[in-house]
């Protein structure tokens, strides 16, 4: 209205009001998100209560976060963030943890070992040998430290040394599927695909539930053998694995190779389209989907999946 009547002061005031309204809305949204985070914290403690576990570990994690913020010397406006301040979360959690009847209960040794093995794997893949060594410096010969060392050796390109270390792990825990999985990875790098396929098959048989990641590894190893009688099985394993892990982008490349070797070009192009789609490369995905669709019967599951990719509109795009 101010702009329409050439009233500059009124126009500026209107702009200020509009901006202020947007800021109020933004702060309201952030306030809602902070409330949701508090609810999530309470839910976490409730779940631990149901499983008979202590929440002290969660409390220590937030105390560590609080120290990090304090040491960073950052002045944070509590109304401008989407999470509660660490000190607020700590105060809320402390009351909940202290009132729990499981506050002082320690986790079972087998659960702690599983957790440490997970930490070892993440540290080795993301931070390297030194990161894992820092985490397990108090027990350098324990199973988690040895697991991290085997992974680091494999990643540094020493298949023979890595294989010896993995075999030591398997001797210590013969029924651990993830040690056999690592053995399969090492053997693929060592250009021993048949042995790798056997290692992945063993891992799959030991896994407590079907694992798409293990199936994709098995399919990759079977494909790498180059044996014509194993290509069909490789395609089947890769397809089954990707149905459980649809965002495992590199798996589609192996699946496309398998279908290509089988002479199923339409299926190979559709697998390539899927890989590009899950990688966010939508233009390439649509191109391969259109090519694949021409090779399938109209209305078939493959044709319809290709059509879904062709019709997809990325968020924010028209």
Protein backbone atom coordinates (compact mmCIF):
# COMPACT_ATOMS: atom_id res chain seq x y z
CA UNK A 1 0.00 0.00 0.00
CA UNK A 2 2.83 2.38 0.82
CA UNK A 3 4.52 1.71 -2.49
CA UNK A 4 1.26 2.21 -4.39
CA UNK A 5 0.70 5.63 -2.81
CA UNK A 6 4.36 6.71 -3.07
CA UNK A 7 4.54 6.85 0.73
CA UNK A 8 8.15 5.74 1.22
CA UNK A 9 8.02 5.61 4.99
CA UNK A 10 4.91 3.46 4.95
CA UNK A 11 6.46 1.16 2.36
CA UNK A 12 9.56 0.67 4.52
CA UNK A 13 7.40 0.00 7.54
CA UNK A 14 5.40 -2.56 5.57
CA UNK A 15 8.60 -4.30 4.48
CA UNK A 16 9.78 -4.37 8.07
CA UNK A 17 6.51 -5.87 9.25
CA UNK A 18 6.71 -8.54 6.53
CA UNK A 19 10.27 -9.42 7.47
CA UNK A 20 9.33 -9.46 11.14
CA UNK A 21 6.44 -11.81 10.40
CA UNK A 22 8.79 -14.18 8.58
CA UNK A 23 11.20 -14.12 11.52
CA UNK A 24 8.36 -14.88 13.95
CA UNK A 25 7.33 -17.82 11.76
CA UNK A 26 10.90 -19.09 11.56
CA UNK A 27 11.38 -18.88 15.31
CA UNK A 28 8.07 -20.63 15.83
CA UNK A 29 9.23 -23.47 13.57
CA UNK A 30 12.57 -23.72 15.38
CA UNK A 31 10.73 -23.77 18.70
CA UNK A 32 8.58 -26.64 17.44
CA UNK A 33 11.70 -28.53 16.32
CA UNK A 34 13.34 -28.05 19.73
CA UNK A 35 10.23 -29.46 21.37
CA UNK A 36 10.40 -32.45 19.03
CA UNK A 37 14.03 -33.05 20.01
CA UNK A 38 13.12 -33.02 23.71
CA UNK A 39 10.37 -35.54 22.99
CA UNK A 40 12.89 -37.69 21.10
CA UNK A 41 15.24 -37.64 24.10
CA UNK A 42 12.43 -38.74 26.39
CA UNK A 43 11.46 -41.49 23.96
CA UNK A 44 15.06 -42.75 23.88
CA UNK A 45 15.10 -43.06 27.65
CA UNK A 46 11.71 -44.80 27.55
CA UNK A 47 13.04 -47.36 25.04
CA UNK A 48 16.10 -48.00 27.20
CA UNK A 49 13.79 -48.46 30.15
CA UNK A 50 11.80 -51.08 28.25
CA UNK A 51 14.94 -53.00 27.30
CA UNK A 52 16.27 -52.79 30.85
CA UNK A 53 19.29 -50.64 29.97
CA UNK A 54 20.88 -47.64 31.62
CA UNK A 55 20.72 -44.20 30.02
CA UNK A 56 24.04 -43.07 31.49
CA UNK A 57 25.82 -43.55 28.20
CA UNK A 58 23.37 -41.21 26.50
CA UNK A 59 23.83 -38.69 29.30
CA UNK A 60 27.64 -38.85 28.97
CA UNK A 61 27.33 -38.26 25.22
CA UNK A 62 25.42 -35.03 25.76
CA UNK A 63 27.83 -33.95 28.49
CA UNK A 64 30.67 -34.40 25.99
CA UNK A 65 28.76 -32.34 23.41
CA UNK A 66 28.23 -29.65 26.03
CA UNK A 67 31.96 -29.51 26.77
CA UNK A 68 32.76 -29.25 23.06
CA UNK A 69 30.42 -26.27 22.68
CA UNK A 70 31.90 -24.60 25.75
CA UNK A 71 35.48 -25.15 24.58
CA UNK A 72 34.66 -23.78 21.14
CA UNK A 73 33.71 -20.48 22.77
CA UNK A 74 30.72 -20.05 20.48
CA UNK A 75 27.93 -17.74 21.57
CA UNK A 76 24.72 -19.38 20.42
CA UNK A 77 21.30 -17.75 20.43
CA UNK A 78 19.11 -20.55 21.87
CA UNK A 79 16.14 -19.24 19.88
CA UNK A 80 18.01 -19.50 16.55
CA UNK A 81 18.79 -23.23 16.61
CA UNK A 82 16.71 -26.32 15.90
CA UNK A 83 18.01 -28.35 18.89
CA UNK A 84 17.86 -27.56 22.60
CA UNK A 85 21.09 -26.29 24.15
CA UNK A 86 23.25 -29.14 25.53
CA UNK A 87 22.89 -27.90 29.10
CA UNK A 88 19.09 -28.06 28.78
CA UNK A 89 19.21 -31.59 27.40
CA UNK A 90 21.63 -32.64 30.12
CA UNK A 91 19.39 -31.26 32.87
CA UNK A 92 16.34 -33.02 31.46
CA UNK A 93 18.14 -36.30 30.85
CA UNK A 94 19.87 -36.36 34.21
CA UNK A 95 16.57 -36.36 36.06
CA UNK A 96 15.19 -39.14 33.84
CA UNK A 97 18.33 -41.28 34.10
CA UNK A 98 18.71 -40.91 37.87
CA UNK A 99 15.08 -41.90 38.43
CA UNK A 100 15.42 -45.07 36.34
CA UNK A 101 15.64 -48.39 38.16
CA UNK A 102 18.26 -49.41 35.59
CA UNK A 103 20.48 -46.35 36.11
CA UNK A 104 23.48 -48.39 37.30
CA UNK A 105 22.97 -51.50 35.21
CA UNK A 106 25.89 -52.33 32.88
CA UNK A 107 25.27 -53.61 29.38
CA UNK A 108 25.99 -57.33 28.80
CA UNK A 109 29.57 -58.05 27.62
CA UNK A 110 28.38 -59.51 24.31
CA UNK A 111 26.39 -56.36 23.51
CA UNK A 112 29.35 -54.13 24.39
CA UNK A 113 31.58 -56.22 22.13
CA UNK A 114 29.15 -55.87 19.22
CA UNK A 115 29.04 -52.13 19.81
CA UNK A 116 32.84 -51.88 19.91
CA UNK A 117 33.16 -53.89 16.70
CA UNK A 118 30.77 -51.46 15.04
CA UNK A 119 32.83 -48.52 16.32
CA UNK A 120 35.98 -50.18 15.04
CA UNK A 121 34.55 -50.62 11.56
CA UNK A 122 33.29 -47.04 11.34
CA UNK A 123 36.57 -45.64 12.66
CA UNK A 124 38.70 -47.69 10.26
CA UNK A 125 36.65 -46.78 7.19
CA UNK A 126 36.22 -43.09 8.01
CA UNK A 127 39.24 -42.14 10.09
CA UNK A 128 41.89 -44.69 9.24
CA UNK A 129 44.23 -46.73 11.39
CA UNK A 130 45.17 -43.90 13.76
CA UNK A 131 41.54 -43.07 14.58
CA UNK A 132 40.79 -46.66 15.53
CA UNK A 133 44.03 -46.95 17.50
CA UNK A 134 43.05 -43.92 19.61
CA UNK A 135 39.64 -45.38 20.42
CA UNK A 136 41.04 -48.76 21.52
CA UNK A 137 44.38 -47.60 22.92
CA UNK A 138 43.58 -49.25 26.26
CA UNK A 139 43.12 -52.66 24.64
CA UNK A 140 45.26 -52.78 21.47
CA UNK A 141 45.10 -56.58 21.27
CA UNK A 142 41.35 -56.84 21.81
CA UNK A 143 39.03 -58.08 19.08
CA UNK A 144 37.73 -54.61 18.07
CA UNK A 145 41.27 -53.22 17.72
CA UNK A 146 42.35 -56.23 15.66
CA UNK A 147 39.25 -55.88 13.46
CA UNK A 148 40.02 -52.22 12.80
CA UNK A 149 43.64 -53.08 12.04
CA UNK A 150 42.60 -55.75 9.52
CA UNK A 151 40.27 -53.29 7.76
CA UNK A 152 42.95 -50.60 7.67
CA UNK A 153 45.46 -53.05 6.23
CA UNK A 154 42.96 -54.02 3.52
CA UNK A 155 42.20 -50.38 2.69
CA UNK A 156 45.91 -49.59 2.43
CA UNK A 157 46.24 -52.15 -0.36
CA UNK A 158 47.93 -55.09 1.35
CA UNK A 159 45.64 -58.06 0.58
CA UNK A 160 48.09 -60.75 1.74
CA UNK A 161 48.69 -59.13 5.12
CA UNK A 162 45.01 -58.27 5.49
CA UNK A 163 43.97 -61.85 4.74
CA UNK A 164 46.26 -63.19 7.46
CA UNK A 165 44.74 -60.76 9.95
CA UNK A 166 41.18 -61.62 8.90
CA UNK A 167 41.89 -65.34 9.25
CA UNK A 168 43.10 -64.65 12.79
CA UNK A 169 39.79 -62.91 13.51
CA UNK A 170 37.81 -65.83 12.09
CA UNK A 171 39.79 -68.25 14.26
CA UNK A 172 38.73 -66.17 17.28
CA UNK A 173 35.06 -65.91 16.22
CA UNK A 174 34.25 -68.48 13.51
CA UNK A 175 30.54 -67.63 13.45
CA UNK A 176 30.88 -63.88 12.96
CA UNK A 177 29.39 -63.19 9.49
CA UNK A 178 31.12 -59.82 9.18
CA UNK A 179 34.58 -61.31 9.49
CA UNK A 180 33.74 -63.59 6.56
CA UNK A 181 32.36 -60.55 4.71
CA UNK A 182 35.69 -58.76 5.18
CA UNK A 183 37.47 -61.89 3.96
CA UNK A 184 35.38 -61.73 0.79
CA UNK A 185 36.29 -58.07 0.25
CA UNK A 186 39.99 -58.82 0.69
CA UNK A 187 39.85 -61.78 -1.70
CA UNK A 188 38.17 -59.69 -4.41
CA UNK A 189 41.00 -57.17 -4.14
CA UNK A 190 43.47 -60.07 -4.29
CA UNK A 191 41.82 -61.17 -7.57
CA UNK A 192 40.49 -64.42 -6.11
CA UNK A 193 36.77 -64.09 -6.93
CA UNK A 194 35.81 -67.75 -6.46
CA UNK A 195 37.24 -67.79 -2.95
CA UNK A 196 35.59 -64.43 -2.34
CA UNK A 197 32.23 -65.83 -3.44
CA UNK A 198 32.64 -68.70 -0.98
CA UNK A 199 33.46 -66.24 1.81
CA UNK A 200 30.35 -64.18 1.07
CA UNK A 201 28.21 -67.31 0.89
CA UNK A 202 29.50 -68.29 4.34
CA UNK A 203 28.72 -64.79 5.65
CA UNK A 204 25.17 -64.99 4.29
CA UNK A 205 24.63 -68.37 5.95
CA UNK A 206 25.80 -67.00 9.31
CA UNK A 207 23.95 -63.68 9.21
CA UNK A 208 21.08 -63.51 11.73
CA UNK A 209 18.76 -62.02 9.08
CA UNK A 210 18.85 -61.55 5.30
CA UNK A 211 21.39 -58.88 4.38
CA UNK A 212 21.23 -56.99 1.10
CA UNK A 213 24.82 -55.79 1.51
CA UNK A 214 26.10 -59.36 1.81
CA UNK A 215 24.04 -60.49 -1.18
CA UNK A 216 25.41 -57.67 -3.33
CA UNK A 217 28.95 -58.61 -2.32
CA UNK A 218 28.23 -62.24 -3.16
CA UNK A 219 26.82 -61.27 -6.54
CA UNK A 220 29.81 -59.05 -7.29
CA UNK A 221 32.20 -61.91 -6.50
CA UNK A 222 30.25 -64.36 -8.67
CA UNK A 223 30.28 -61.86 -11.52
CA UNK A 224 34.02 -61.32 -11.16
CA UNK A 225 34.68 -65.02 -11.75
CA UNK A 226 33.66 -64.54 -15.39
CA UNK A 227 32.25 -68.08 -15.40
CA UNK A 228 29.23 -68.25 -17.75
CA UNK A 229 27.44 -70.71 -15.46
CA UNK A 230 27.64 -68.26 -12.52
CA UNK A 231 26.47 -65.07 -14.26
CA UNK A 232 22.76 -65.87 -13.89
CA UNK A 233 23.26 -66.60 -10.20
CA UNK A 234 25.21 -63.33 -9.86
CA UNK A 235 22.33 -61.37 -11.41
CA UNK A 236 19.85 -63.08 -9.08
CA UNK A 237 21.92 -62.30 -5.99
CA UNK A 238 22.49 -58.69 -7.03
CA UNK A 239 18.81 -58.15 -7.76
CA UNK A 240 17.79 -59.67 -4.41
CA UNK A 241 20.37 -57.59 -2.56
CA UNK A 242 19.31 -54.36 -4.25
CA UNK A 243 15.68 -55.02 -3.38
CA UNK A 244 16.79 -54.79 0.28
CA UNK A 245 19.37 -52.01 -0.26
CA UNK A 246 17.95 -49.96 -3.15
CA UNK A 247 20.31 -47.03 -2.53
CA UNK A 248 23.49 -49.09 -2.91
CA UNK A 249 24.38 -47.28 -6.14
CA UNK A 250 27.42 -49.29 -7.23
CA UNK A 251 25.38 -52.49 -7.02
CA UNK A 252 23.37 -51.42 -10.08
CA UNK A 253 26.56 -51.18 -12.10
CA UNK A 254 27.36 -54.82 -11.32
CA UNK A 255 23.77 -55.82 -12.07
CA UNK A 256 23.90 -54.03 -15.43
CA UNK A 257 27.14 -55.86 -16.25
CA UNK A 258 25.57 -59.20 -15.36
CA UNK A 259 22.51 -58.58 -17.55
CA UNK A 260 24.74 -57.34 -20.34
CA UNK A 261 26.73 -60.58 -20.29
CA UNK A 262 23.46 -62.52 -20.36
CA UNK A 263 22.37 -60.56 -23.44
CA UNK A 264 19.42 -58.97 -21.62
CA UNK A 265 20.05 -55.44 -22.83
CA UNK A 266 16.74 -53.97 -21.68
CA UNK A 267 17.34 -55.22 -18.13
CA UNK A 268 20.91 -53.88 -18.24
CA UNK A 269 19.67 -50.44 -19.33
CA UNK A 270 17.00 -50.44 -16.64
CA UNK A 271 19.61 -51.32 -13.99
CA UNK A 272 21.76 -48.45 -15.25
CA UNK A 273 18.73 -46.16 -15.05
CA UNK A 274 18.12 -47.26 -11.46
CA UNK A 275 21.74 -46.60 -10.52
CA UNK A 276 21.64 -43.10 -11.98
CA UNK A 277 18.29 -42.44 -10.34
CA UNK A 278 19.51 -43.34 -6.85
CA UNK A 279 22.68 -41.31 -7.46
CA UNK A 280 20.51 -38.25 -8.15
CA UNK A 281 21.49 -38.13 -11.83
CA UNK A 282 17.93 -37.86 -13.05
CA UNK A 283 18.57 -36.79 -16.64
CA UNK A 284 20.77 -39.83 -17.31
CA UNK A 285 18.28 -42.04 -15.44
CA UNK A 286 15.40 -40.90 -17.64
CA UNK A 287 17.46 -41.42 -20.79
CA UNK A 288 18.34 -45.02 -19.91
CA UNK A 289 14.80 -45.69 -18.68
CA UNK A 290 13.38 -44.54 -22.01
CA UNK A 291 15.78 -46.80 -23.89
CA UNK A 292 14.99 -49.74 -21.62
CA UNK A 293 11.24 -49.24 -21.88
CA UNK A 294 11.31 -49.87 -25.63
CA UNK A 295 12.58 -53.40 -24.97
CA UNK A 296 9.84 -54.44 -22.52
CA UNK A 297 6.21 -55.36 -23.05
CA UNK A 298 3.94 -52.43 -22.29
CA UNK A 299 2.42 -52.79 -18.84
CA UNK A 300 5.04 -55.26 -17.60
CA UNK A 301 6.66 -54.58 -14.19
CA UNK A 302 9.89 -53.49 -15.91
CA UNK A 303 8.04 -51.19 -18.30
CA UNK A 304 6.13 -49.61 -15.42
CA UNK A 305 9.30 -49.08 -13.38
CA UNK A 306 10.92 -47.39 -16.36
CA UNK A 307 7.83 -45.19 -16.67
CA UNK A 308 8.08 -44.24 -13.00
CA UNK A 309 11.63 -43.03 -13.55
CA UNK A 310 10.65 -41.13 -16.69
CA UNK A 311 7.77 -39.41 -14.89
CA UNK A 312 9.77 -38.56 -11.77
CA UNK A 313 10.05 -34.88 -10.86
CA UNK A 314 12.80 -33.97 -8.43
CA UNK A 315 11.69 -31.86 -5.43
CA UNK A 316 11.75 -28.17 -6.28
CA UNK A 317 11.56 -28.79 -10.02
CA UNK A 318 8.59 -28.41 -12.31
